[in-house]
Amino acid sequence: MPEWSDADLLAFLDESLPPEGMATIEEACRSDQSLLKRLAMVRGREDAGLHTIGAIWRRHRLSCPDRRQLGQYLLNVLDEPTNDYIRFHIERIGCRRCQANLVDLQAQQDDAVDSTQARRTRYFQTSAGYLRNS
């Protein structure tokens, strides 16, 4: 059975681990009472206000790009180091919040493209009669 750090367990409690990690810890909790006690201890430390720099960093999502940066990432207009960092954050770190924001922005972008195409089609259809008479 793998040994999880307190940071891993706190991420599990905050539901910020990748789905595979969440499932692994959840399954282990079903058969390991010591893991359940450790989870309670980790949660108790957090609730008591005993914070590490790493916990503060994760809680306030200081490493997460904002939505504006994620939108620029989708448009591929960022400088290379920033683009590489966001790709690393999304793909390797697996930040679920940023992944959800990226999916939402992609859907908005797709809706905008569909809306623009529909508008162009309507303009063409309504002006086609005028073009023939010219």
N, C-alpha and C. Protein backbone atom coordinates (compact mmCIF):
# COMPACT_ATOMS: atom_id res chain seq x y z
N MET A 1 0.85 -1.17 0.00
CA MET A 1 0.00 0.00 0.00
C MET A 1 0.90 1.24 0.00
N PRO A 2 0.61 2.22 -0.85
CA PRO A 2 1.46 3.41 -0.91
C PRO A 2 1.36 4.25 0.36
N GLU A 3 2.42 4.99 0.64
CA GLU A 3 2.44 5.89 1.78
C GLU A 3 2.19 7.30 1.26
N TRP A 4 1.16 7.94 1.77
CA TRP A 4 0.79 9.27 1.30
C TRP A 4 1.30 10.32 2.27
N SER A 5 1.72 11.43 1.72
CA SER A 5 2.15 12.56 2.55
C SER A 5 0.92 13.28 3.09
N ASP A 6 1.15 14.12 4.08
CA ASP A 6 0.04 14.92 4.61
C ASP A 6 -0.52 15.83 3.52
N ALA A 7 0.35 16.32 2.64
CA ALA A 7 -0.10 17.18 1.54
C ALA A 7 -1.03 16.41 0.61
N ASP A 8 -0.70 15.13 0.35
CA ASP A 8 -1.57 14.30 -0.49
C ASP A 8 -2.94 14.11 0.17
N LEU A 9 -2.92 13.85 1.47
CA LEU A 9 -4.17 13.62 2.18
C LEU A 9 -5.01 14.89 2.25
N LEU A 10 -4.34 16.02 2.44
CA LEU A 10 -5.07 17.29 2.46
C LEU A 10 -5.66 17.58 1.08
N ALA A 11 -4.90 17.28 0.03
CA ALA A 11 -5.42 17.46 -1.33
C ALA A 11 -6.62 16.53 -1.55
N PHE A 12 -6.56 15.33 -1.00
CA PHE A 12 -7.70 14.41 -1.09
C PHE A 12 -8.92 15.02 -0.40
N LEU A 13 -8.72 15.55 0.79
CA LEU A 13 -9.84 16.15 1.54
C LEU A 13 -10.40 17.37 0.82
N ASP A 14 -9.54 18.09 0.11
CA ASP A 14 -9.99 19.27 -0.65
C ASP A 14 -10.46 18.91 -2.05
N GLU A 15 -10.43 17.62 -2.36
CA GLU A 15 -10.83 17.11 -3.68
C GLU A 15 -10.05 17.77 -4.82
N SER A 16 -8.74 17.92 -4.60
CA SER A 16 -7.93 18.54 -5.64
C SER A 16 -6.90 17.60 -6.24
N LEU A 17 -6.97 16.33 -5.90
CA LEU A 17 -6.11 15.33 -6.54
C LEU A 17 -6.71 14.92 -7.88
N PRO A 18 -5.87 14.40 -8.77
CA PRO A 18 -6.43 13.83 -10.00
C PRO A 18 -7.38 12.67 -9.65
N PRO A 19 -8.33 12.37 -10.52
CA PRO A 19 -9.33 11.33 -10.21
C PRO A 19 -8.72 9.99 -9.80
N GLU A 20 -7.61 9.59 -10.42
CA GLU A 20 -7.00 8.30 -10.06
C GLU A 20 -6.51 8.32 -8.62
N GLY A 21 -5.88 9.43 -8.21
CA GLY A 21 -5.39 9.56 -6.84
C GLY A 21 -6.52 9.57 -5.84
N MET A 22 -7.60 10.27 -6.18
CA MET A 22 -8.77 10.31 -5.30
C MET A 22 -9.32 8.89 -5.10
N ALA A 23 -9.44 8.15 -6.20
CA ALA A 23 -10.00 6.80 -6.13
C ALA A 23 -9.10 5.87 -5.32
N THR A 24 -7.78 6.00 -5.48
CA THR A 24 -6.84 5.14 -4.76
C THR A 24 -6.94 5.36 -3.26
N ILE A 25 -6.94 6.62 -2.84
CA ILE A 25 -7.02 6.91 -1.41
C ILE A 25 -8.39 6.50 -0.85
N GLU A 26 -9.44 6.78 -1.60
CA GLU A 26 -10.78 6.40 -1.14
C GLU A 26 -10.89 4.89 -0.94
N GLU A 27 -10.34 4.13 -1.87
CA GLU A 27 -10.39 2.67 -1.75
C GLU A 27 -9.58 2.21 -0.54
N ALA A 28 -8.42 2.83 -0.33
CA ALA A 28 -7.58 2.45 0.81
C ALA A 28 -8.28 2.78 2.13
N CYS A 29 -9.05 3.84 2.16
CA CYS A 29 -9.76 4.23 3.39
C CYS A 29 -10.77 3.17 3.83
N ARG A 30 -11.27 2.43 2.88
CA ARG A 30 -12.29 1.42 3.20
C ARG A 30 -11.73 0.27 4.03
N SER A 31 -10.42 0.03 3.92
CA SER A 31 -9.85 -1.12 4.62
C SER A 31 -8.76 -0.74 5.62
N ASP A 32 -8.39 0.54 5.70
CA ASP A 32 -7.27 0.95 6.55
C ASP A 32 -7.73 1.98 7.58
N GLN A 33 -7.97 1.51 8.80
CA GLN A 33 -8.44 2.40 9.87
C GLN A 33 -7.38 3.44 10.24
N SER A 34 -6.10 3.07 10.13
CA SER A 34 -5.05 4.04 10.47
C SER A 34 -5.03 5.20 9.48
N LEU A 35 -5.37 4.92 8.23
CA LEU A 35 -5.44 5.99 7.23
C LEU A 35 -6.60 6.93 7.55
N LEU A 36 -7.72 6.38 7.99
CA LEU A 36 -8.85 7.22 8.38
C LEU A 36 -8.49 8.12 9.56
N LYS A 37 -7.75 7.56 10.53
CA LYS A 37 -7.32 8.36 11.68
C LYS A 37 -6.36 9.46 11.24
N ARG A 38 -5.49 9.12 10.31
CA ARG A 38 -4.54 10.11 9.81
C ARG A 38 -5.26 11.23 9.05
N LEU A 39 -6.27 10.87 8.26
CA LEU A 39 -7.07 11.88 7.57
C LEU A 39 -7.74 12.82 8.58
N ALA A 40 -8.27 12.25 9.65
CA ALA A 40 -8.92 13.07 10.68
C ALA A 40 -7.90 13.99 11.35
N MET A 41 -6.68 13.47 11.56
CA MET A 41 -5.63 14.28 12.18
C MET A 41 -5.22 15.44 11.26
N VAL A 42 -5.08 15.15 9.97
CA VAL A 42 -4.71 16.19 9.00
C VAL A 42 -5.79 17.25 8.95
N ARG A 43 -7.04 16.84 8.90
CA ARG A 43 -8.15 17.79 8.87
C ARG A 43 -8.19 18.61 10.17
N GLY A 44 -7.92 17.95 11.29
CA GLY A 44 -7.91 18.64 12.58
C GLY A 44 -6.84 19.71 12.65
N ARG A 45 -5.66 19.42 12.12
CA ARG A 45 -4.58 20.42 12.09
C ARG A 45 -4.99 21.62 11.26
N GLU A 46 -5.62 21.35 10.12
CA GLU A 46 -6.08 22.45 9.25
C GLU A 46 -7.12 23.29 9.96
N ASP A 47 -8.07 22.62 10.59
CA ASP A 47 -9.15 23.33 11.28
C ASP A 47 -8.63 24.12 12.48
N ALA A 48 -7.55 23.62 13.09
CA ALA A 48 -6.98 24.30 14.26
C ALA A 48 -6.12 25.50 13.86
N GLY A 49 -5.86 25.65 12.59
CA GLY A 49 -5.09 26.80 12.13
C GLY A 49 -3.60 26.55 12.04
N LEU A 50 -3.17 25.31 12.08
CA LEU A 50 -1.75 24.99 11.93
C LEU A 50 -1.46 24.83 10.45
N HIS A 51 -0.89 25.85 9.87
CA HIS A 51 -0.72 25.88 8.42
C HIS A 51 0.76 25.88 8.03
N THR A 52 1.05 25.20 6.96
CA THR A 52 2.40 25.25 6.39
C THR A 52 2.38 26.22 5.22
N ILE A 53 3.55 26.62 4.80
CA ILE A 53 3.64 27.51 3.64
C ILE A 53 3.04 26.82 2.42
N GLY A 54 3.31 25.53 2.26
CA GLY A 54 2.75 24.79 1.13
C GLY A 54 1.24 24.76 1.16
N ALA A 55 0.67 24.58 2.35
CA ALA A 55 -0.79 24.54 2.47
C ALA A 55 -1.40 25.88 2.12
N ILE A 56 -0.77 26.95 2.58
CA ILE A 56 -1.27 28.30 2.25
C ILE A 56 -1.16 28.52 0.75
N TRP A 57 -0.05 28.11 0.16
CA TRP A 57 0.17 28.25 -1.28
C TRP A 57 -0.93 27.53 -2.06
N ARG A 58 -1.23 26.28 -1.66
CA ARG A 58 -2.26 25.51 -2.36
C ARG A 58 -3.65 26.07 -2.13
N ARG A 59 -3.95 26.44 -0.90
CA ARG A 59 -5.30 26.93 -0.58
C ARG A 59 -5.64 28.20 -1.35
N HIS A 60 -4.66 29.08 -1.49
CA HIS A 60 -4.90 30.34 -2.21
C HIS A 60 -4.58 30.23 -3.69
N ARG A 61 -4.20 29.02 -4.11
CA ARG A 61 -3.95 28.72 -5.53
C ARG A 61 -2.99 29.72 -6.16
N LEU A 62 -1.88 29.96 -5.47
CA LEU A 62 -0.91 30.95 -5.94
C LEU A 62 -0.20 30.52 -7.21
N SER A 63 -0.18 29.22 -7.48
CA SER A 63 0.48 28.75 -8.71
C SER A 63 -0.47 28.65 -9.89
N CYS A 64 -1.76 28.88 -9.66
CA CYS A 64 -2.75 28.76 -10.74
C CYS A 64 -2.79 30.02 -11.60
N PRO A 65 -2.79 29.85 -12.91
CA PRO A 65 -2.99 31.02 -13.78
C PRO A 65 -4.44 31.50 -13.66
N ASP A 66 -4.66 32.79 -13.90
CA ASP A 66 -6.04 33.29 -13.85
C ASP A 66 -6.74 32.99 -15.17
N ARG A 67 -8.05 33.25 -15.22
CA ARG A 67 -8.83 32.92 -16.43
C ARG A 67 -8.34 33.69 -17.65
N ARG A 68 -7.88 34.91 -17.45
CA ARG A 68 -7.37 35.70 -18.57
C ARG A 68 -6.17 35.00 -19.19
N GLN A 69 -5.26 34.52 -18.34
CA GLN A 69 -4.09 33.80 -18.84
C GLN A 69 -4.49 32.49 -19.50
N LEU A 70 -5.47 31.79 -18.94
CA LEU A 70 -5.92 30.55 -19.56
C LEU A 70 -6.55 30.83 -20.93
N GLY A 71 -7.28 31.93 -21.05
CA GLY A 71 -7.85 32.31 -22.34
C GLY A 71 -6.76 32.63 -23.35
N GLN A 72 -5.72 33.32 -22.90
CA GLN A 72 -4.60 33.62 -23.78
C GLN A 72 -3.86 32.34 -24.18
N TYR A 73 -3.81 31.39 -23.25
CA TYR A 73 -3.20 30.09 -23.54
C TYR A 73 -3.97 29.39 -24.67
N LEU A 74 -5.30 29.42 -24.58
CA LEU A 74 -6.13 28.81 -25.63
C LEU A 74 -5.91 29.48 -26.98
N LEU A 75 -5.71 30.78 -26.96
CA LEU A 75 -5.49 31.52 -28.20
C LEU A 75 -4.04 31.43 -28.68
N ASN A 76 -3.18 30.84 -27.85
CA ASN A 76 -1.77 30.66 -28.17
C ASN A 76 -1.07 32.00 -28.41
N VAL A 77 -1.33 32.97 -27.53
CA VAL A 77 -0.71 34.29 -27.67
C VAL A 77 0.27 34.60 -26.54
N LEU A 78 0.53 33.65 -25.67
CA LEU A 78 1.45 33.86 -24.56
C LEU A 78 2.89 33.64 -25.00
N ASP A 79 3.82 34.24 -24.25
CA ASP A 79 5.23 33.96 -24.53
C ASP A 79 5.52 32.50 -24.18
N GLU A 80 6.58 31.97 -24.73
CA GLU A 80 6.85 30.53 -24.62
C GLU A 80 7.00 30.04 -23.17
N PRO A 81 7.75 30.74 -22.29
CA PRO A 81 7.86 30.24 -20.91
C PRO A 81 6.52 30.18 -20.18
N THR A 82 5.68 31.20 -20.37
CA THR A 82 4.36 31.20 -19.71
C THR A 82 3.49 30.09 -20.28
N ASN A 83 3.52 29.93 -21.59
CA ASN A 83 2.76 28.86 -22.25
C ASN A 83 3.20 27.49 -21.73
N ASP A 84 4.51 27.30 -21.61
CA ASP A 84 5.04 26.03 -21.11
C ASP A 84 4.61 25.78 -19.67
N TYR A 85 4.63 26.84 -18.84
CA TYR A 85 4.23 26.67 -17.45
C TYR A 85 2.76 26.27 -17.35
N ILE A 86 1.90 26.93 -18.11
CA ILE A 86 0.46 26.61 -18.04
C ILE A 86 0.22 25.19 -18.52
N ARG A 87 0.90 24.77 -19.59
CA ARG A 87 0.76 23.39 -20.07
C ARG A 87 1.21 22.42 -18.98
N PHE A 88 2.34 22.70 -18.32
CA PHE A 88 2.83 21.87 -17.22
C PHE A 88 1.80 21.82 -16.09
N HIS A 89 1.26 22.96 -15.73
CA HIS A 89 0.29 23.05 -14.63
C HIS A 89 -0.97 22.24 -14.94
N ILE A 90 -1.43 22.32 -16.17
CA ILE A 90 -2.66 21.62 -16.57
C ILE A 90 -2.40 20.13 -16.76
N GLU A 91 -1.35 19.79 -17.49
CA GLU A 91 -1.13 18.40 -17.88
C GLU A 91 -0.37 17.58 -16.85
N ARG A 92 0.69 18.12 -16.26
CA ARG A 92 1.52 17.34 -15.34
C ARG A 92 1.02 17.44 -13.89
N ILE A 93 0.77 18.66 -13.45
CA ILE A 93 0.27 18.85 -12.09
C ILE A 93 -1.17 18.35 -12.00
N GLY A 94 -1.92 18.57 -13.08
CA GLY A 94 -3.30 18.07 -13.13
C GLY A 94 -4.25 18.87 -12.26
N CYS A 95 -4.04 20.18 -12.20
CA CYS A 95 -4.90 21.04 -11.38
C CYS A 95 -6.34 20.96 -11.91
N ARG A 96 -7.22 20.39 -11.11
CA ARG A 96 -8.60 20.18 -11.56
C ARG A 96 -9.34 21.49 -11.74
N ARG A 97 -9.06 22.48 -10.92
CA ARG A 97 -9.73 23.77 -11.05
C ARG A 97 -9.35 24.44 -12.37
N CYS A 98 -8.07 24.43 -12.69
CA CYS A 98 -7.62 25.05 -13.94
C CYS A 98 -8.10 24.25 -15.15
N GLN A 99 -8.13 22.93 -15.02
CA GLN A 99 -8.66 22.11 -16.11
C GLN A 99 -10.13 22.45 -16.36
N ALA A 100 -10.90 22.63 -15.29
CA ALA A 100 -12.32 22.98 -15.44
C ALA A 100 -12.47 24.36 -16.07
N ASN A 101 -11.65 25.31 -15.64
CA ASN A 101 -11.69 26.64 -16.24
C ASN A 101 -11.34 26.58 -17.72
N LEU A 102 -10.35 25.77 -18.06
CA LEU A 102 -9.94 25.65 -19.46
C LEU A 102 -11.05 25.04 -20.31
N VAL A 103 -11.72 24.02 -19.79
CA VAL A 103 -12.85 23.40 -20.51
C VAL A 103 -13.97 24.43 -20.70
N ASP A 104 -14.25 25.21 -19.67
CA ASP A 104 -15.29 26.24 -19.76
C ASP A 104 -14.92 27.29 -20.80
N LEU A 105 -13.68 27.75 -20.78
CA LEU A 105 -13.24 28.75 -21.76
C LEU A 105 -13.28 28.19 -23.18
N GLN A 106 -12.90 26.92 -23.33
CA GLN A 106 -12.94 26.29 -24.65
C GLN A 106 -14.38 26.21 -25.16
N ALA A 107 -15.31 25.88 -24.28
CA ALA A 107 -16.72 25.82 -24.67
C ALA A 107 -17.23 27.20 -25.07
N GLN A 108 -16.83 28.22 -24.33
CA GLN A 108 -17.22 29.59 -24.69
C GLN A 108 -16.65 29.98 -26.05
N GLN A 109 -15.40 29.59 -26.27
CA GLN A 109 -14.76 29.90 -27.55
C GLN A 109 -15.47 29.16 -28.69
N ASP A 110 -15.81 27.90 -28.47
CA ASP A 110 -16.52 27.12 -29.50
C ASP A 110 -17.89 27.72 -29.78
N ASP A 111 -18.60 28.15 -28.72
CA ASP A 111 -19.90 28.79 -28.89
C ASP A 111 -19.78 30.08 -29.70
N ALA A 112 -18.73 30.83 -29.43
CA ALA A 112 -18.52 32.09 -30.15
C ALA A 112 -18.25 31.83 -31.63
N VAL A 113 -17.46 30.78 -31.93
CA VAL A 113 -17.18 30.43 -33.33
C VAL A 113 -18.47 30.00 -34.02
N ASP A 114 -19.27 29.16 -33.35
CA ASP A 114 -20.54 28.70 -33.93
C ASP A 114 -21.48 29.87 -34.16
N SER A 115 -21.54 30.78 -33.20
CA SER A 115 -22.41 31.95 -33.31
C SER A 115 -21.98 32.85 -34.47
N THR A 116 -20.69 33.04 -34.62
CA THR A 116 -20.17 33.87 -35.72
C THR A 116 -20.50 33.23 -37.06
N GLN A 117 -20.33 31.93 -37.16
CA GLN A 117 -20.62 31.23 -38.41
C GLN A 117 -22.11 31.33 -38.75
N ALA A 118 -22.96 31.15 -37.76
CA ALA A 118 -24.41 31.25 -37.99
C ALA A 118 -24.79 32.67 -38.42
N ARG A 119 -24.18 33.67 -37.79
CA ARG A 119 -24.47 35.06 -38.15
C ARG A 119 -24.03 35.35 -39.59
N ARG A 120 -22.86 34.87 -39.98
CA ARG A 120 -22.38 35.07 -41.35
C ARG A 120 -23.31 34.40 -42.36
N THR A 121 -23.79 33.20 -42.02
CA THR A 121 -24.71 32.49 -42.91
C THR A 121 -26.00 33.28 -43.07
N ARG A 122 -26.54 33.79 -41.98
CA ARG A 122 -27.77 34.60 -42.06
C ARG A 122 -27.56 35.86 -42.89
N TYR A 123 -26.43 36.53 -42.68
CA TYR A 123 -26.15 37.74 -43.47
C TYR A 123 -26.09 37.41 -44.95
N PHE A 124 -25.43 36.33 -45.28
CA PHE A 124 -25.32 35.93 -46.68
C PHE A 124 -26.69 35.61 -47.25
N GLN A 125 -27.49 34.84 -46.50
CA GLN A 125 -28.81 34.44 -46.99
C GLN A 125 -29.73 35.65 -47.17
N THR A 126 -29.66 36.61 -46.28
CA THR A 126 -30.55 37.78 -46.40
C THR A 126 -30.07 38.77 -47.44
N SER A 127 -28.79 38.75 -47.77
CA SER A 127 -28.29 39.71 -48.76
C SER A 127 -28.13 39.08 -50.15
N ALA A 128 -28.33 37.78 -50.29
CA ALA A 128 -28.14 37.12 -51.58
C ALA A 128 -29.07 37.69 -52.64
N GLY A 129 -30.31 38.01 -52.29
CA GLY A 129 -31.25 38.59 -53.26
C GLY A 129 -30.80 39.94 -53.76
N TYR A 130 -30.19 40.73 -52.89
CA TYR A 130 -29.71 42.05 -53.30
C TYR A 130 -28.52 41.94 -54.25
N LEU A 131 -27.72 40.92 -54.06
CA LEU A 131 -26.54 40.75 -54.92
C LEU A 131 -26.95 40.38 -56.34
N ARG A 132 -28.03 39.62 -56.51
CA ARG A 132 -28.47 39.22 -57.85
C ARG A 132 -29.02 40.42 -58.64
N ASN A 133 -29.67 41.33 -57.96
CA ASN A 133 -30.28 42.48 -58.63
C ASN A 133 -29.26 43.54 -59.04
N SER A 134 -28.07 43.46 -58.57
CA SER A 134 -27.08 44.49 -58.87
C SER A 134 -26.47 44.32 -60.23
